[in-house]
C-alpha atoms as a PDB file:
ATOM      1  CA  UNK A   1       9.202  12.671  -7.893  1.00  0.00           C
ATOM      2  CA  UNK A   2      10.546  10.922  -4.777  1.00  0.00           C
ATOM      3  CA  UNK A   3      14.219  11.974  -4.935  1.00  0.00           C
ATOM      4  CA  UNK A   4      14.144  13.214  -1.337  1.00  0.00           C
ATOM      5  CA  UNK A   5      13.846   9.584  -0.175  1.00  0.00           C
ATOM      6  CA  UNK A   6      16.752   8.172  -2.194  1.00  0.00           C
ATOM      7  CA  UNK A   7      19.215   8.397   0.731  1.00  0.00           C
ATOM      8  CA  UNK A   8      17.178   5.647   2.420  1.00  0.00           C
ATOM      9  CA  UNK A   9      17.591   3.072  -0.370  1.00  0.00           C
ATOM     10  CA  UNK A  10      19.380   0.057   1.057  1.00  0.00           C
ATOM     11  CA  UNK A  11      19.335   1.487   4.593  1.00  0.00           C
ATOM     12  CA  UNK A  12      19.956  -1.417   6.962  1.00  0.00           C
ATOM     13  CA  UNK A  13      19.393   0.461  10.237  1.00  0.00           C
ATOM     14  CA  UNK A  14      16.837  -1.241  12.468  1.00  0.00           C
ATOM     15  CA  UNK A  15      15.177   2.079  13.181  1.00  0.00           C
ATOM     16  CA  UNK A  16      14.670   4.348  10.254  1.00  0.00           C
ATOM     17  CA  UNK A  17      13.159   4.791   6.850  1.00  0.00           C
ATOM     18  CA  UNK A  18      14.369   2.164   4.418  1.00  0.00           C
ATOM     19  CA  UNK A  19      13.662   1.135   0.873  1.00  0.00           C
ATOM     20  CA  UNK A  20      14.816  -1.766  -1.244  1.00  0.00           C
ATOM     21  CA  UNK A  21      14.937  -1.863  -5.041  1.00  0.00           C
ATOM     22  CA  UNK A  22      12.167  -3.649  -6.931  1.00  0.00           C
ATOM     23  CA  UNK A  23      12.931  -5.046 -10.364  1.00  0.00           C
ATOM     24  CA  UNK A  24      10.941  -4.141 -13.448  1.00  0.00           C
ATOM     25  CA  UNK A  25      10.327  -7.866 -13.849  1.00  0.00           C
ATOM     26  CA  UNK A  26       8.718  -8.066 -10.383  1.00  0.00           C
ATOM     27  CA  UNK A  27       6.427  -5.152 -11.276  1.00  0.00           C
ATOM     28  CA  UNK A  28       5.455  -6.640 -14.634  1.00  0.00           C
ATOM     29  CA  UNK A  29       4.883 -10.111 -13.143  1.00  0.00           C
ATOM     30  CA  UNK A  30       2.550  -8.691 -10.480  1.00  0.00           C
ATOM     31  CA  UNK A  31       0.658  -6.635 -13.080  1.00  0.00           C
ATOM     32  CA  UNK A  32       0.261  -9.712 -15.251  1.00  0.00           C
ATOM     33  CA  UNK A  33      -1.103 -11.728 -12.326  1.00  0.00           C
ATOM     34  CA  UNK A  34      -3.548  -8.950 -11.439  1.00  0.00           C
ATOM     35  CA  UNK A  35      -4.611  -8.342 -15.027  1.00  0.00           C
ATOM     36  CA  UNK A  36      -4.049  -4.561 -14.900  1.00  0.00           C
ATOM     37  CA  UNK A  37      -1.259  -1.997 -14.575  1.00  0.00           C
ATOM     38  CA  UNK A  38      -0.270  -0.354 -11.334  1.00  0.00           C
ATOM     39  CA  UNK A  39      -1.202   3.339 -11.033  1.00  0.00           C
ATOM     40  CA  UNK A  40       1.422   5.620 -12.626  1.00  0.00           C
ATOM     41  CA  UNK A  41       2.665   7.177  -9.363  1.00  0.00           C
ATOM     42  CA  UNK A  42       3.066   3.760  -7.730  1.00  0.00           C
ATOM     43  CA  UNK A  43       5.073   2.646 -10.752  1.00  0.00           C
ATOM     44  CA  UNK A  44       7.336   5.710 -10.358  1.00  0.00           C
ATOM     45  CA  UNK A  45       7.745   4.975  -6.632  1.00  0.00           C
ATOM     46  CA  UNK A  46       8.843   1.407  -7.409  1.00  0.00           C
ATOM     47  CA  UNK A  47      11.180   2.587 -10.180  1.00  0.00           C
ATOM     48  CA  UNK A  48      12.810   5.289  -8.040  1.00  0.00           C
ATOM     49  CA  UNK A  49      12.830   3.650  -4.590  1.00  0.00           C
ATOM     50  CA  UNK A  50      11.369   0.144  -4.496  1.00  0.00           C
ATOM     51  CA  UNK A  51       9.335  -1.014  -1.518  1.00  0.00           C
ATOM     52  CA  UNK A  52       9.982  -0.222   2.112  1.00  0.00           C
ATOM     53  CA  UNK A  53       8.956   1.454   5.322  1.00  0.00           C
ATOM     54  CA  UNK A  54       8.636   4.804   7.085  1.00  0.00           C
ATOM     55  CA  UNK A  55       9.570   5.198  10.721  1.00  0.00           C
ATOM     56  CA  UNK A  56      10.532   8.847  11.033  1.00  0.00           C
ATOM     57  CA  UNK A  57       9.874  12.194   9.409  1.00  0.00           C
ATOM     58  CA  UNK A  58      12.430  14.320   7.565  1.00  0.00           C
ATOM     59  CA  UNK A  59      14.007  15.994  10.598  1.00  0.00           C
ATOM     60  CA  UNK A  60      13.760  13.006  12.980  1.00  0.00           C
ATOM     61  CA  UNK A  61      11.496  15.014  15.299  1.00  0.00           C
ATOM     62  CA  UNK A  62       8.797  12.362  14.985  1.00  0.00           C
ATOM     63  CA  UNK A  63       9.802   8.724  15.184  1.00  0.00           C
ATOM     64  CA  UNK A  64       7.547   5.776  15.843  1.00  0.00           C
ATOM     65  CA  UNK A  65       8.951   2.278  15.868  1.00  0.00           C
ATOM     66  CA  UNK A  66       5.799   0.780  17.354  1.00  0.00           C
ATOM     67  CA  UNK A  67       4.068   0.569  13.970  1.00  0.00           C
ATOM     68  CA  UNK A  68       5.177  -1.105  10.800  1.00  0.00           C
ATOM     69  CA  UNK A  69       4.195   1.364   8.075  1.00  0.00           C
ATOM     70  CA  UNK A  70       5.244   0.159   4.665  1.00  0.00           C
ATOM     71  CA  UNK A  71       4.723   0.344   0.925  1.00  0.00           C
ATOM     72  CA  UNK A  72       4.028  -3.211  -0.183  1.00  0.00           C
ATOM     73  CA  UNK A  73       6.185  -5.061  -2.714  1.00  0.00           C
ATOM     74  CA  UNK A  74       4.371  -5.735  -6.031  1.00  0.00           C
ATOM     75  CA  UNK A  75       4.380  -9.488  -5.368  1.00  0.00           C
ATOM     76  CA  UNK A  76       2.791  -8.910  -1.950  1.00  0.00           C
ATOM     77  CA  UNK A  77       0.061  -6.790  -3.537  1.00  0.00           C
ATOM     78  CA  UNK A  78      -0.754  -9.519  -6.068  1.00  0.00           C
ATOM     79  CA  UNK A  79      -0.658 -12.247  -3.400  1.00  0.00           C
ATOM     80  CA  UNK A  80      -2.944 -10.349  -1.027  1.00  0.00           C
ATOM     81  CA  UNK A  81      -5.375  -9.364  -3.777  1.00  0.00           C
ATOM     82  CA  UNK A  82      -5.544 -12.816  -5.373  1.00  0.00           C
ATOM     83  CA  UNK A  83      -5.117 -15.107  -2.356  1.00  0.00           C
ATOM     84  CA  UNK A  84      -6.583 -13.024   0.484  1.00  0.00           C
ATOM     85  CA  UNK A  85      -6.015 -14.588   3.874  1.00  0.00           C
ATOM     86  CA  UNK A  86      -4.322 -17.581   2.212  1.00  0.00           C
ATOM     87  CA  UNK A  87      -1.454 -15.252   1.263  1.00  0.00           C
ATOM     88  CA  UNK A  88      -0.373 -15.331   4.910  1.00  0.00           C
ATOM     89  CA  UNK A  89      -0.058 -11.542   4.892  1.00  0.00           C
ATOM     90  CA  UNK A  90      -3.453 -10.360   6.129  1.00  0.00           C
ATOM     91  CA  UNK A  91      -5.786 -11.238   8.946  1.00  0.00           C
ATOM     92  CA  UNK A  92      -8.968 -13.200   8.165  1.00  0.00           C
ATOM     93  CA  UNK A  93     -11.141 -10.158   8.893  1.00  0.00           C
ATOM     94  CA  UNK A  94      -9.486  -8.045   6.155  1.00  0.00           C
ATOM     95  CA  UNK A  95     -11.439  -7.828   2.915  1.00  0.00           C
ATOM     96  CA  UNK A  96     -10.961  -5.590  -0.098  1.00  0.00           C
ATOM     97  CA  UNK A  97     -13.596  -4.444  -2.575  1.00  0.00           C
ATOM     98  CA  UNK A  98     -13.153  -5.668  -6.132  1.00  0.00           C
ATOM     99  CA  UNK A  99     -11.801  -2.282  -7.268  1.00  0.00           C
ATOM    100  CA  UNK A 100      -9.377  -1.851  -4.332  1.00  0.00           C
ATOM    101  CA  UNK A 101      -5.697  -2.759  -4.379  1.00  0.00           C
ATOM    102  CA  UNK A 102      -3.773  -2.673  -1.075  1.00  0.00           C
ATOM    103  CA  UNK A 103      -0.549  -0.663  -1.374  1.00  0.00           C
ATOM    104  CA  UNK A 104       0.351   0.512   2.119  1.00  0.00           C
ATOM    105  CA  UNK A 105       0.217  -1.633   5.253  1.00  0.00           C
ATOM    106  CA  UNK A 106      -0.017  -0.265   8.753  1.00  0.00           C
ATOM    107  CA  UNK A 107       0.779  -2.601  11.612  1.00  0.00           C
ATOM    108  CA  UNK A 108       0.623  -6.287  11.004  1.00  0.00           C
ATOM    109  CA  UNK A 109      -1.874  -7.115   8.302  1.00  0.00           C
ATOM    110  CA  UNK A 110      -5.068  -5.603   9.639  1.00  0.00           C
ATOM    111  CA  UNK A 111      -4.993  -2.002   8.369  1.00  0.00           C
ATOM    112  CA  UNK A 112      -4.229  -0.923   4.801  1.00  0.00           C
ATOM    113  CA  UNK A 113      -4.473   2.021   2.481  1.00  0.00           C
ATOM    114  CA  UNK A 114      -5.621   1.151  -1.009  1.00  0.00           C
ATOM    115  CA  UNK A 115      -5.561   2.505  -4.533  1.00  0.00           C
ATOM    116  CA  UNK A 116      -8.162   1.988  -7.235  1.00  0.00           C
ATOM    117  CA  UNK A 117      -6.111   1.430 -10.399  1.00  0.00           C
ATOM    118  CA  UNK A 118      -9.084   1.369 -12.738  1.00  0.00           C
ATOM    119  CA  UNK A 119     -10.822   4.474 -11.368  1.00  0.00           C
ATOM    120  CA  UNK A 120     -10.877   8.066 -12.682  1.00  0.00           C
ATOM    121  CA  UNK A 121      -8.090   8.894 -10.205  1.00  0.00           C
ATOM    122  CA  UNK A 122      -5.886   5.807  -9.991  1.00  0.00           C
ATOM    123  CA  UNK A 123      -3.218   7.689  -7.993  1.00  0.00           C
ATOM    124  CA  UNK A 124      -5.516   8.529  -5.054  1.00  0.00           C
ATOM    125  CA  UNK A 125      -4.971   6.856  -1.694  1.00  0.00           C
ATOM    126  CA  UNK A 126      -8.093   5.559   0.025  1.00  0.00           C
ATOM    127  CA  UNK A 127      -8.644   4.406   3.557  1.00  0.00           C
ATOM    128  CA  UNK A 128      -9.554   0.737   3.619  1.00  0.00           C
ATOM    129  CA  UNK A 129     -13.055  -0.602   4.101  1.00  0.00           C
ATOM    130  CA  UNK A 130     -14.773   2.156   2.102  1.00  0.00           C
ATOM    131  CA  UNK A 131     -13.806   5.031   4.364  1.00  0.00           C
ATOM    132  CA  UNK A 132     -13.102   7.490   1.528  1.00  0.00           C
ATOM    133  CA  UNK A 133     -10.126   9.293   0.059  1.00  0.00           C
ATOM    134  CA  UNK A 134      -7.203  10.070   2.329  1.00  0.00           C
ATOM    135  CA  UNK A 135      -5.085  11.829  -0.333  1.00  0.00           C
ATOM    136  CA  UNK A 136      -5.712  12.728  -3.966  1.00  0.00           C
ATOM    137  CA  UNK A 137      -2.315  11.291  -4.941  1.00  0.00           C
ATOM    138  CA  UNK A 138       0.314   8.826  -3.813  1.00  0.00           C
ATOM    139  CA  UNK A 139       2.875  11.595  -4.269  1.00  0.00           C
ATOM    140  CA  UNK A 140       1.104  13.751  -1.652  1.00  0.00           C
ATOM    141  CA  UNK A 141       0.604  10.780   0.709  1.00  0.00           C
ATOM    142  CA  UNK A 142       4.316   9.913   0.639  1.00  0.00           C
ATOM    143  CA  UNK A 143       5.289  13.576   1.008  1.00  0.00           C
ATOM    144  CA  UNK A 144       3.130  13.887   4.142  1.00  0.00           C
ATOM    145  CA  UNK A 145       4.526  10.668   5.631  1.00  0.00           C
ATOM    146  CA  UNK A 146       8.004  12.109   5.339  1.00  0.00           C
ATOM    147  CA  UNK A 147       7.565  15.837   5.906  1.00  0.00           C
ATOM    148  CA  UNK A 148       4.846  15.652   8.563  1.00  0.00           C
ATOM    149  CA  UNK A 149       4.826  12.282  10.294  1.00  0.00           C
ATOM    150  CA  UNK A 150       4.920   8.604   9.365  1.00  0.00           C
ATOM    151  CA  UNK A 151       1.609   8.397  11.231  1.00  0.00           C
ATOM    152  CA  UNK A 152      -0.010  11.692  10.165  1.00  0.00           C
ATOM    153  CA  UNK A 153      -3.159   9.867   9.065  1.00  0.00           C
ATOM    154  CA  UNK A 154      -3.846   8.658  12.617  1.00  0.00           C
ATOM    155  CA  UNK A 155      -4.883  12.119  13.845  1.00  0.00           C
ATOM    156  CA  UNK A 156      -8.036  12.053  11.764  1.00  0.00           C
ATOM    157  CA  UNK A 157      -8.590   8.314  11.409  1.00  0.00           C
ATOM    158  CA  UNK A 158     -12.266   7.666  11.091  1.00  0.00           C
ATOM    159  CA  UNK A 159     -13.068  10.969   9.372  1.00  0.00           C
ATOM    160  CA  UNK A 160     -14.566  10.242   6.002  1.00  0.00           C
ATOM    161  CA  UNK A 161     -14.886  12.021   2.720  1.00  0.00           C
ATOM    162  CA  UNK A 162     -16.986  11.154  -0.270  1.00  0.00           C
ATOM    163  CA  UNK A 163     -14.998   8.960  -2.617  1.00  0.00           C
END
């Protein structure tokens, strides 16, 4: 599903897309702490790539090193969801609804995209703070980050759709 990103696994360049393997044990431990399974497409992403960040698109025509745009590690997701601000990974103003699970962080702990693992469409990506669906699937979200821009969602930030 995400084979096109495999060349970036273990990439140690300071500027660039990079992903680091996540163990099955880390995934299972986080799911156990949360009390539910991660959405299927997120599980595939972790299995194929791990966690990591996007800083450029596929042809390097769009690069932005000013933002930290990353798929969170399973342990980080569980910590943020269960500990909130006490996790040390989010700002005090950031709150998530009971059914929201942060999966993608944009710039320093104050902006996230979330999934709703127990919803009818657990693979959808939602804007945080109840702003509606951004993409119907994680697969499409990741594809757009890579083939369009690591910041494609910024062009219509604030537009909402019914969730």
